[in-house]
Amino acid sequence: MNWLQSKLSLVLALLLALAVVAVGVQSLRLAAMHADVAQREQAHAEAALLYAEAARQTEQAWAKKLQEVQHARDAELARAHRIGDGLRTDREWLRVDTASFAAGPADDSAAACRERAATLGRLLDDALRTAATIAGSAEQHAADVRALRASWPVNEPHNEKPPSTLQ
């Protein structure tokens, strides 16, 4: 029986050794899986940081462009106000001159009055033609702006991808 017990002990020892080896192998495989998961999580975190940085840079570029456009618009509005002020001054000067011309001297003849009236009529016709041309141009520019705004892309997703550590 001693011989059988020793053989049985040897078999049990071998089985135990095999079990220990199997547990060790499985532990190594599990550690390798954990390392792989950690590496993937690190890669995903790095990719997320790259995307966040790209989004921040895009947002900063848009904010800078918007600020530049707002400054240009403010300068254009200031210029338009200066031009408008100058035109109002010229209009007042022209109104006074036209009224003075229309009144003419008190001792003017009927022919001189008719000549002044004809001259003022031509001046008014010229002013009305110029106003119609300007109104037509303004409407054309407004139509161009409406078309531009209608065709401008709005809220489209950003298609550029930052460099990625993922393959």
N, C-alpha and C. Protein backbone atom coordinates (compact mmCIF):
# COMPACT_ATOMS: atom_id res chain seq x y z
N MET A 1 0.81 -1.15 0.00
CA MET A 1 0.00 0.00 0.00
C MET A 1 0.87 1.24 0.00
N ASN A 2 1.94 1.10 0.57
CA ASN A 2 2.89 2.19 0.63
C ASN A 2 3.28 2.66 -0.78
N TRP A 3 3.49 1.64 -1.63
CA TRP A 3 3.85 1.95 -3.00
C TRP A 3 2.71 2.71 -3.68
N LEU A 4 1.49 2.31 -3.46
CA LEU A 4 0.32 2.93 -4.06
C LEU A 4 0.13 4.34 -3.51
N GLN A 5 0.36 4.50 -2.24
CA GLN A 5 0.23 5.82 -1.65
C GLN A 5 1.30 6.76 -2.20
N SER A 6 2.48 6.26 -2.38
CA SER A 6 3.53 7.12 -2.91
C SER A 6 3.23 7.52 -4.35
N LYS A 7 2.71 6.56 -5.14
CA LYS A 7 2.35 6.88 -6.52
C LYS A 7 1.19 7.87 -6.55
N LEU A 8 0.24 7.64 -5.68
CA LEU A 8 -0.90 8.54 -5.59
C LEU A 8 -0.46 9.93 -5.12
N SER A 9 0.45 10.00 -4.19
CA SER A 9 0.98 11.28 -3.72
C SER A 9 1.72 11.98 -4.85
N LEU A 10 2.46 11.18 -5.63
CA LEU A 10 3.19 11.74 -6.76
C LEU A 10 2.22 12.30 -7.81
N VAL A 11 1.16 11.56 -8.08
CA VAL A 11 0.16 12.02 -9.05
C VAL A 11 -0.53 13.28 -8.53
N LEU A 12 -0.86 13.28 -7.26
CA LEU A 12 -1.49 14.47 -6.67
C LEU A 12 -0.54 15.66 -6.70
N ALA A 13 0.71 15.42 -6.44
CA ALA A 13 1.70 16.51 -6.48
C ALA A 13 1.82 17.04 -7.89
N LEU A 14 1.82 16.12 -8.87
CA LEU A 14 1.87 16.56 -10.27
C LEU A 14 0.63 17.35 -10.65
N LEU A 15 -0.52 16.86 -10.22
CA LEU A 15 -1.77 17.59 -10.50
C LEU A 15 -1.76 18.96 -9.83
N LEU A 16 -1.27 19.01 -8.62
CA LEU A 16 -1.18 20.28 -7.91
C LEU A 16 -0.22 21.21 -8.62
N ALA A 17 0.91 20.68 -9.09
CA ALA A 17 1.89 21.49 -9.82
C ALA A 17 1.28 22.01 -11.12
N LEU A 18 0.55 21.12 -11.80
CA LEU A 18 -0.11 21.54 -13.04
C LEU A 18 -1.16 22.62 -12.76
N ALA A 19 -1.89 22.48 -11.68
CA ALA A 19 -2.89 23.48 -11.32
C ALA A 19 -2.22 24.81 -11.00
N VAL A 20 -1.11 24.76 -10.29
CA VAL A 20 -0.37 25.99 -9.97
C VAL A 20 0.14 26.64 -11.25
N VAL A 21 0.66 25.82 -12.16
CA VAL A 21 1.14 26.35 -13.46
C VAL A 21 -0.03 26.96 -14.23
N ALA A 22 -1.18 26.27 -14.25
CA ALA A 22 -2.36 26.78 -14.98
C ALA A 22 -2.83 28.09 -14.37
N VAL A 23 -2.85 28.17 -13.05
CA VAL A 23 -3.24 29.42 -12.39
C VAL A 23 -2.24 30.52 -12.73
N GLY A 24 -0.97 30.18 -12.76
CA GLY A 24 0.06 31.18 -13.11
C GLY A 24 -0.11 31.67 -14.54
N VAL A 25 -0.36 30.72 -15.45
CA VAL A 25 -0.56 31.10 -16.86
C VAL A 25 -1.79 32.00 -16.99
N GLN A 26 -2.88 31.61 -16.33
CA GLN A 26 -4.10 32.42 -16.40
C GLN A 26 -3.87 33.80 -15.76
N SER A 27 -3.10 33.86 -14.70
CA SER A 27 -2.79 35.15 -14.07
C SER A 27 -2.00 36.03 -15.03
N LEU A 28 -1.05 35.43 -15.74
CA LEU A 28 -0.28 36.20 -16.73
C LEU A 28 -1.17 36.71 -17.86
N ARG A 29 -2.07 35.82 -18.32
CA ARG A 29 -2.98 36.23 -19.39
C ARG A 29 -3.90 37.36 -18.91
N LEU A 30 -4.39 37.23 -17.68
CA LEU A 30 -5.24 38.27 -17.12
C LEU A 30 -4.48 39.58 -16.96
N ALA A 31 -3.24 39.51 -16.52
CA ALA A 31 -2.42 40.72 -16.38
C ALA A 31 -2.18 41.35 -17.75
N ALA A 32 -1.94 40.50 -18.77
CA ALA A 32 -1.74 41.02 -20.13
C ALA A 32 -3.01 41.69 -20.64
N MET A 33 -4.18 41.10 -20.33
CA MET A 33 -5.45 41.71 -20.74
C MET A 33 -5.65 43.05 -20.04
N HIS A 34 -5.34 43.10 -18.74
CA HIS A 34 -5.47 44.36 -18.00
C HIS A 34 -4.53 45.42 -18.58
N ALA A 35 -3.32 45.01 -18.94
CA ALA A 35 -2.36 45.95 -19.53
C ALA A 35 -2.87 46.44 -20.89
N ASP A 36 -3.46 45.54 -21.68
CA ASP A 36 -4.01 45.92 -22.98
C ASP A 36 -5.18 46.90 -22.81
N VAL A 37 -6.05 46.62 -21.85
CA VAL A 37 -7.18 47.52 -21.58
C VAL A 37 -6.66 48.88 -21.12
N ALA A 38 -5.68 48.87 -20.24
CA ALA A 38 -5.12 50.14 -19.76
C ALA A 38 -4.48 50.91 -20.92
N GLN A 39 -3.79 50.19 -21.82
CA GLN A 39 -3.17 50.85 -22.97
C GLN A 39 -4.24 51.45 -23.88
N ARG A 40 -5.32 50.72 -24.11
CA ARG A 40 -6.41 51.23 -24.95
C ARG A 40 -7.08 52.44 -24.30
N GLU A 41 -7.30 52.36 -22.98
CA GLU A 41 -7.90 53.49 -22.28
C GLU A 41 -7.00 54.72 -22.38
N GLN A 42 -5.70 54.51 -22.26
CA GLN A 42 -4.75 55.61 -22.38
C GLN A 42 -4.82 56.21 -23.79
N ALA A 43 -4.89 55.34 -24.81
CA ALA A 43 -4.97 55.81 -26.19
C ALA A 43 -6.26 56.60 -26.42
N HIS A 44 -7.36 56.11 -25.86
CA HIS A 44 -8.64 56.82 -25.98
C HIS A 44 -8.58 58.17 -25.26
N ALA A 45 -7.97 58.20 -24.10
CA ALA A 45 -7.84 59.46 -23.36
C ALA A 45 -7.00 60.46 -24.15
N GLU A 46 -5.91 59.98 -24.75
CA GLU A 46 -5.05 60.86 -25.56
C GLU A 46 -5.81 61.38 -26.78
N ALA A 47 -6.59 60.50 -27.41
CA ALA A 47 -7.39 60.92 -28.57
C ALA A 47 -8.43 61.96 -28.15
N ALA A 48 -9.05 61.74 -27.00
CA ALA A 48 -10.04 62.70 -26.50
C ALA A 48 -9.39 64.05 -26.24
N LEU A 49 -8.19 64.04 -25.69
CA LEU A 49 -7.47 65.29 -25.45
C LEU A 49 -7.14 65.99 -26.77
N LEU A 50 -6.74 65.20 -27.78
CA LEU A 50 -6.45 65.79 -29.09
C LEU A 50 -7.69 66.42 -29.71
N TYR A 51 -8.83 65.73 -29.62
CA TYR A 51 -10.07 66.28 -30.14
C TYR A 51 -10.48 67.54 -29.38
N ALA A 52 -10.32 67.51 -28.07
CA ALA A 52 -10.67 68.68 -27.26
C ALA A 52 -9.78 69.87 -27.62
N GLU A 53 -8.50 69.62 -27.83
CA GLU A 53 -7.56 70.69 -28.21
C GLU A 53 -7.92 71.23 -29.59
N ALA A 54 -8.24 70.34 -30.52
CA ALA A 54 -8.63 70.78 -31.86
C ALA A 54 -9.90 71.62 -31.80
N ALA A 55 -10.86 71.20 -30.98
CA ALA A 55 -12.10 71.97 -30.83
C ALA A 55 -11.81 73.33 -30.20
N ARG A 56 -10.94 73.36 -29.21
CA ARG A 56 -10.59 74.64 -28.57
C ARG A 56 -9.92 75.57 -29.57
N GLN A 57 -9.00 75.04 -30.37
CA GLN A 57 -8.32 75.87 -31.37
C GLN A 57 -9.30 76.39 -32.42
N THR A 58 -10.22 75.53 -32.84
CA THR A 58 -11.23 75.96 -33.81
C THR A 58 -12.11 77.06 -33.21
N GLU A 59 -12.51 76.87 -31.96
CA GLU A 59 -13.34 77.87 -31.29
C GLU A 59 -12.58 79.20 -31.16
N GLN A 60 -11.31 79.13 -30.81
CA GLN A 60 -10.52 80.36 -30.70
C GLN A 60 -10.38 81.05 -32.05
N ALA A 61 -10.19 80.27 -33.11
CA ALA A 61 -10.08 80.86 -34.45
C ALA A 61 -11.39 81.53 -34.84
N TRP A 62 -12.51 80.87 -34.53
CA TRP A 62 -13.81 81.48 -34.84
C TRP A 62 -14.02 82.76 -34.03
N ALA A 63 -13.67 82.72 -32.75
CA ALA A 63 -13.84 83.90 -31.90
C ALA A 63 -12.98 85.06 -32.42
N LYS A 64 -11.74 84.74 -32.83
CA LYS A 64 -10.86 85.79 -33.37
C LYS A 64 -11.44 86.37 -34.65
N LYS A 65 -11.92 85.50 -35.53
CA LYS A 65 -12.51 85.96 -36.79
C LYS A 65 -13.75 86.80 -36.52
N LEU A 66 -14.57 86.36 -35.59
CA LEU A 66 -15.77 87.12 -35.24
C LEU A 66 -15.39 88.50 -34.70
N GLN A 67 -14.37 88.56 -33.86
CA GLN A 67 -13.93 89.84 -33.31
C GLN A 67 -13.41 90.74 -34.43
N GLU A 68 -12.65 90.18 -35.36
CA GLU A 68 -12.14 90.97 -36.49
C GLU A 68 -13.30 91.51 -37.34
N VAL A 69 -14.29 90.66 -37.57
CA VAL A 69 -15.44 91.09 -38.37
C VAL A 69 -16.22 92.18 -37.63
N GLN A 70 -16.37 92.03 -36.32
CA GLN A 70 -17.09 93.05 -35.55
C GLN A 70 -16.34 94.38 -35.56
N HIS A 71 -15.01 94.33 -35.46
CA HIS A 71 -14.22 95.57 -35.51
C HIS A 71 -14.35 96.21 -36.89
N ALA A 72 -14.29 95.40 -37.94
CA ALA A 72 -14.44 95.93 -39.30
C ALA A 72 -15.82 96.53 -39.49
N ARG A 73 -16.84 95.88 -38.94
CA ARG A 73 -18.21 96.40 -39.03
C ARG A 73 -18.32 97.72 -38.28
N ASP A 74 -17.76 97.79 -37.09
CA ASP A 74 -17.80 99.04 -36.33
C ASP A 74 -17.11 100.17 -37.09
N ALA A 75 -15.96 99.86 -37.70
CA ALA A 75 -15.25 100.89 -38.48
C ALA A 75 -16.08 101.31 -39.69
N GLU A 76 -16.74 100.35 -40.33
CA GLU A 76 -17.57 100.67 -41.49
C GLU A 76 -18.78 101.51 -41.07
N LEU A 77 -19.37 101.18 -39.93
CA LEU A 77 -20.50 101.98 -39.44
C LEU A 77 -20.05 103.40 -39.09
N ALA A 78 -18.89 103.55 -38.47
CA ALA A 78 -18.37 104.88 -38.15
C ALA A 78 -18.13 105.67 -39.44
N ARG A 79 -17.58 105.01 -40.45
CA ARG A 79 -17.35 105.66 -41.75
C ARG A 79 -18.68 106.07 -42.38
N ALA A 80 -19.67 105.18 -42.31
CA ALA A 80 -20.99 105.49 -42.88
C ALA A 80 -21.63 106.68 -42.15
N HIS A 81 -21.45 106.74 -40.83
CA HIS A 81 -21.99 107.88 -40.07
C HIS A 81 -21.30 109.18 -40.47
N ARG A 82 -19.98 109.12 -40.66
CA ARG A 82 -19.27 110.33 -41.10
C ARG A 82 -19.76 110.78 -42.48
N ILE A 83 -19.93 109.81 -43.38
CA ILE A 83 -20.43 110.15 -44.72
C ILE A 83 -21.84 110.72 -44.62
N GLY A 84 -22.68 110.09 -43.79
CA GLY A 84 -24.05 110.59 -43.60
C GLY A 84 -24.07 112.00 -43.05
N ASP A 85 -23.19 112.27 -42.08
CA ASP A 85 -23.12 113.64 -41.53
C ASP A 85 -22.71 114.64 -42.61
N GLY A 86 -21.73 114.24 -43.42
CA GLY A 86 -21.30 115.13 -44.51
C GLY A 86 -22.41 115.35 -45.53
N LEU A 87 -23.15 114.31 -45.85
CA LEU A 87 -24.27 114.45 -46.79
C LEU A 87 -25.38 115.32 -46.23
N ARG A 88 -25.66 115.19 -44.94
CA ARG A 88 -26.68 116.06 -44.32
C ARG A 88 -26.24 117.52 -44.37
N THR A 89 -24.97 117.77 -44.15
CA THR A 89 -24.45 119.14 -44.24
C THR A 89 -24.57 119.65 -45.67
N ASP A 90 -24.17 118.82 -46.64
CA ASP A 90 -24.29 119.21 -48.05
C ASP A 90 -25.74 119.43 -48.44
N ARG A 91 -26.64 118.56 -47.94
CA ARG A 91 -28.07 118.71 -48.26
C ARG A 91 -28.60 120.04 -47.76
N GLU A 92 -28.22 120.40 -46.55
CA GLU A 92 -28.69 121.68 -46.00
C GLU A 92 -28.16 122.85 -46.82
N TRP A 93 -26.88 122.76 -47.18
CA TRP A 93 -26.27 123.81 -48.01
C TRP A 93 -26.98 123.90 -49.36
N LEU A 94 -27.26 122.75 -49.99
CA LEU A 94 -27.95 122.72 -51.28
C LEU A 94 -29.38 123.25 -51.15
N ARG A 95 -30.06 122.91 -50.06
CA ARG A 95 -31.42 123.41 -49.83
C ARG A 95 -31.44 124.92 -49.74
N VAL A 96 -30.51 125.48 -49.00
CA VAL A 96 -30.45 126.94 -48.86
C VAL A 96 -30.13 127.58 -50.21
N ASP A 97 -29.16 127.01 -50.94
CA ASP A 97 -28.80 127.55 -52.26
C ASP A 97 -29.97 127.47 -53.24
N THR A 98 -30.67 126.32 -53.22
CA THR A 98 -31.80 126.13 -54.14
C THR A 98 -32.92 127.10 -53.80
N ALA A 99 -33.21 127.26 -52.53
CA ALA A 99 -34.26 128.22 -52.12
C ALA A 99 -33.88 129.63 -52.52
N SER A 100 -32.64 129.98 -52.35
CA SER A 100 -32.16 131.32 -52.73
C SER A 100 -32.27 131.50 -54.23
N PHE A 101 -31.88 130.45 -55.01
CA PHE A 101 -31.95 130.53 -56.46
C PHE A 101 -33.41 130.62 -56.93
N ALA A 102 -34.29 129.82 -56.30
CA ALA A 102 -35.70 129.81 -56.68
C ALA A 102 -36.35 131.15 -56.41
N ALA A 103 -35.98 131.79 -55.33
CA ALA A 103 -36.59 133.09 -54.99
C ALA A 103 -36.17 134.15 -55.99
N GLY A 104 -34.93 134.14 -56.36
CA GLY A 104 -34.42 135.12 -57.35
C GLY A 104 -34.62 136.55 -56.87
N PRO A 105 -34.16 137.48 -57.67
CA PRO A 105 -34.35 138.88 -57.29
C PRO A 105 -35.82 139.28 -57.43
N ALA A 106 -36.24 140.25 -56.67
CA ALA A 106 -37.64 140.69 -56.64
C ALA A 106 -38.06 141.31 -57.97
N ASP A 107 -37.17 141.94 -58.68
CA ASP A 107 -37.55 142.64 -59.90
C ASP A 107 -37.33 141.81 -61.16
N ASP A 108 -37.27 140.45 -61.00
CA ASP A 108 -37.04 139.56 -62.15
C ASP A 108 -38.25 139.53 -63.08
N SER A 109 -37.97 139.29 -64.33
CA SER A 109 -39.05 139.19 -65.32
C SER A 109 -39.66 137.81 -65.26
N ALA A 110 -40.80 137.65 -65.94
CA ALA A 110 -41.48 136.36 -65.99
C ALA A 110 -40.60 135.35 -66.71
N ALA A 111 -39.87 135.76 -67.75
CA ALA A 111 -39.00 134.86 -68.50
C ALA A 111 -37.87 134.34 -67.60
N ALA A 112 -37.31 135.19 -66.77
CA ALA A 112 -36.25 134.77 -65.85
C ALA A 112 -36.80 133.78 -64.83
N CYS A 113 -38.03 134.03 -64.36
CA CYS A 113 -38.65 133.10 -63.41
C CYS A 113 -38.87 131.74 -64.07
N ARG A 114 -39.35 131.75 -65.35
CA ARG A 114 -39.56 130.49 -66.05
C ARG A 114 -38.22 129.76 -66.23
N GLU A 115 -37.18 130.49 -66.57
CA GLU A 115 -35.85 129.88 -66.76
C GLU A 115 -35.36 129.25 -65.45
N ARG A 116 -35.55 129.95 -64.33
CA ARG A 116 -35.17 129.39 -63.03
C ARG A 116 -35.99 128.14 -62.73
N ALA A 117 -37.29 128.16 -63.02
CA ALA A 117 -38.17 127.01 -62.78
C ALA A 117 -37.72 125.84 -63.64
N ALA A 118 -37.37 126.06 -64.90
CA ALA A 118 -36.90 124.99 -65.78
C ALA A 118 -35.59 124.41 -65.26
N THR A 119 -34.69 125.27 -64.83
CA THR A 119 -33.41 124.80 -64.29
C THR A 119 -33.63 123.96 -63.04
N LEU A 120 -34.51 124.42 -62.16
CA LEU A 120 -34.82 123.65 -60.94
C LEU A 120 -35.50 122.32 -61.30
N GLY A 121 -36.33 122.31 -62.34
CA GLY A 121 -36.97 121.08 -62.80
C GLY A 121 -35.94 120.07 -63.28
N ARG A 122 -34.94 120.55 -64.06
CA ARG A 122 -33.87 119.66 -64.52
C ARG A 122 -33.06 119.13 -63.33
N LEU A 123 -32.79 120.00 -62.39
CA LEU A 123 -32.06 119.59 -61.19
C LEU A 123 -32.84 118.51 -60.42
N LEU A 124 -34.17 118.73 -60.30
CA LEU A 124 -35.00 117.75 -59.60
C LEU A 124 -35.04 116.43 -60.37
N ASP A 125 -35.17 116.48 -61.71
CA ASP A 125 -35.16 115.26 -62.51
C ASP A 125 -33.85 114.49 -62.32
N ASP A 126 -32.75 115.22 -62.36
CA ASP A 126 -31.44 114.58 -62.17
C ASP A 126 -31.35 113.94 -60.78
N ALA A 127 -31.84 114.64 -59.77
CA ALA A 127 -31.81 114.11 -58.40
C ALA A 127 -32.69 112.86 -58.29
N LEU A 128 -33.86 112.87 -58.93
CA LEU A 128 -34.76 111.71 -58.87
C LEU A 128 -34.15 110.51 -59.61
N ARG A 129 -33.49 110.75 -60.78
CA ARG A 129 -32.83 109.65 -61.49
C ARG A 129 -31.70 109.05 -60.65
N THR A 130 -30.93 109.93 -60.04
CA THR A 130 -29.83 109.46 -59.18
C THR A 130 -30.38 108.66 -58.00
N ALA A 131 -31.46 109.13 -57.39
CA ALA A 131 -32.07 108.42 -56.26
C ALA A 131 -32.59 107.06 -56.71
N ALA A 132 -33.20 106.99 -57.90
CA ALA A 132 -33.70 105.70 -58.41
C ALA A 132 -32.55 104.74 -58.67
N THR A 133 -31.44 105.24 -59.23
CA THR A 133 -30.26 104.39 -59.48
C THR A 133 -29.70 103.87 -58.17
N ILE A 134 -29.59 104.73 -57.18
CA ILE A 134 -29.06 104.33 -55.87
C ILE A 134 -29.99 103.31 -55.21
N ALA A 135 -31.32 103.54 -55.30
CA ALA A 135 -32.28 102.60 -54.71
C ALA A 135 -32.17 101.24 -55.40
N GLY A 136 -32.02 101.23 -56.73
CA GLY A 136 -31.86 99.96 -57.45
C GLY A 136 -30.59 99.24 -57.03
N SER A 137 -29.50 99.98 -56.90
CA SER A 137 -28.24 99.38 -56.46
C SER A 137 -28.36 98.84 -55.04
N ALA A 138 -29.03 99.61 -54.17
CA ALA A 138 -29.21 99.16 -52.79
C ALA A 138 -30.03 97.87 -52.74
N GLU A 139 -31.08 97.80 -53.55
CA GLU A 139 -31.90 96.58 -53.58
C GLU A 139 -31.10 95.39 -54.11
N GLN A 140 -30.26 95.63 -55.13
CA GLN A 140 -29.43 94.56 -55.67
C GLN A 140 -28.44 94.05 -54.61
N HIS A 141 -27.84 94.99 -53.87
CA HIS A 141 -26.91 94.59 -52.80
C HIS A 141 -27.65 93.83 -51.71
N ALA A 142 -28.86 94.27 -51.37
CA ALA A 142 -29.65 93.57 -50.35
C ALA A 142 -29.99 92.16 -50.83
N ALA A 143 -30.33 92.00 -52.10
CA ALA A 143 -30.63 90.68 -52.65
C ALA A 143 -29.39 89.80 -52.61
N ASP A 144 -28.22 90.38 -52.91
CA ASP A 144 -26.97 89.61 -52.84
C ASP A 144 -26.71 89.13 -51.42
N VAL A 145 -26.94 90.01 -50.45
CA VAL A 145 -26.72 89.65 -49.05
C VAL A 145 -27.70 88.56 -48.63
N ARG A 146 -28.98 88.68 -49.04
CA ARG A 146 -29.96 87.65 -48.69
C ARG A 146 -29.56 86.30 -49.29
N ALA A 147 -29.10 86.31 -50.54
CA ALA A 147 -28.66 85.06 -51.19
C ALA A 147 -27.45 84.47 -50.47
N LEU A 148 -26.51 85.32 -50.08
CA LEU A 148 -25.33 84.86 -49.36
C LEU A 148 -25.72 84.24 -48.02
N ARG A 149 -26.59 84.92 -47.31
CA ARG A 149 -27.02 84.40 -46.01
C ARG A 149 -27.78 83.10 -46.14
N ALA A 150 -28.60 82.99 -47.19
CA ALA A 150 -29.38 81.76 -47.39
C ALA A 150 -28.47 80.58 -47.74
N SER A 151 -27.36 80.86 -48.42
CA SER A 151 -26.48 79.77 -48.84
C SER A 151 -25.36 79.50 -47.85
N TRP A 152 -25.24 80.29 -46.81
CA TRP A 152 -24.15 80.13 -45.84
C TRP A 152 -24.37 78.88 -45.01
N PRO A 153 -23.33 78.03 -44.84
CA PRO A 153 -23.51 76.81 -44.04
C PRO A 153 -23.71 77.15 -42.57
N VAL A 154 -24.66 76.46 -41.95
CA VAL A 154 -24.98 76.73 -40.56
C VAL A 154 -24.94 75.43 -39.78
N ASN A 155 -24.21 75.42 -38.68
CA ASN A 155 -24.16 74.29 -37.75
C ASN A 155 -23.79 72.98 -38.44
N GLU A 156 -22.88 73.04 -39.38
CA GLU A 156 -22.40 71.80 -40.00
C GLU A 156 -21.33 71.21 -39.11
N PRO A 157 -21.29 69.87 -39.02
CA PRO A 157 -20.25 69.26 -38.17
C PRO A 157 -18.87 69.50 -38.74
N HIS A 158 -17.93 69.57 -37.82
CA HIS A 158 -16.53 69.81 -38.19
C HIS A 158 -15.95 68.48 -38.68
N ASN A 159 -15.51 68.44 -39.94
CA ASN A 159 -15.06 67.17 -40.54
C ASN A 159 -13.58 66.90 -40.35
N GLU A 160 -12.80 67.88 -39.98
CA GLU A 160 -11.37 67.65 -39.82
C GLU A 160 -11.11 66.87 -38.54
N LYS A 161 -10.24 65.88 -38.64
CA LYS A 161 -9.91 65.08 -37.47
C LYS A 161 -8.48 65.37 -37.05
N PRO A 162 -8.26 65.54 -35.76
CA PRO A 162 -6.89 65.77 -35.30
C PRO A 162 -6.09 64.48 -35.39
N PRO A 163 -4.77 64.59 -35.33
CA PRO A 163 -3.96 63.38 -35.36
C PRO A 163 -4.36 62.46 -34.21
N SER A 164 -4.41 61.20 -34.48
CA SER A 164 -4.88 60.25 -33.48
C SER A 164 -3.78 59.24 -33.15
N THR A 165 -3.81 58.80 -31.92
CA THR A 165 -2.86 57.76 -31.52
C THR A 165 -3.46 56.38 -31.80
N LEU A 166 -4.76 56.37 -32.16
CA LEU A 166 -5.41 55.09 -32.46
C LEU A 166 -5.18 54.76 -33.93
N GLN A 167 -5.03 53.51 -34.23
CA GLN A 167 -4.85 53.07 -35.61
C GLN A 167 -6.08 52.34 -36.08
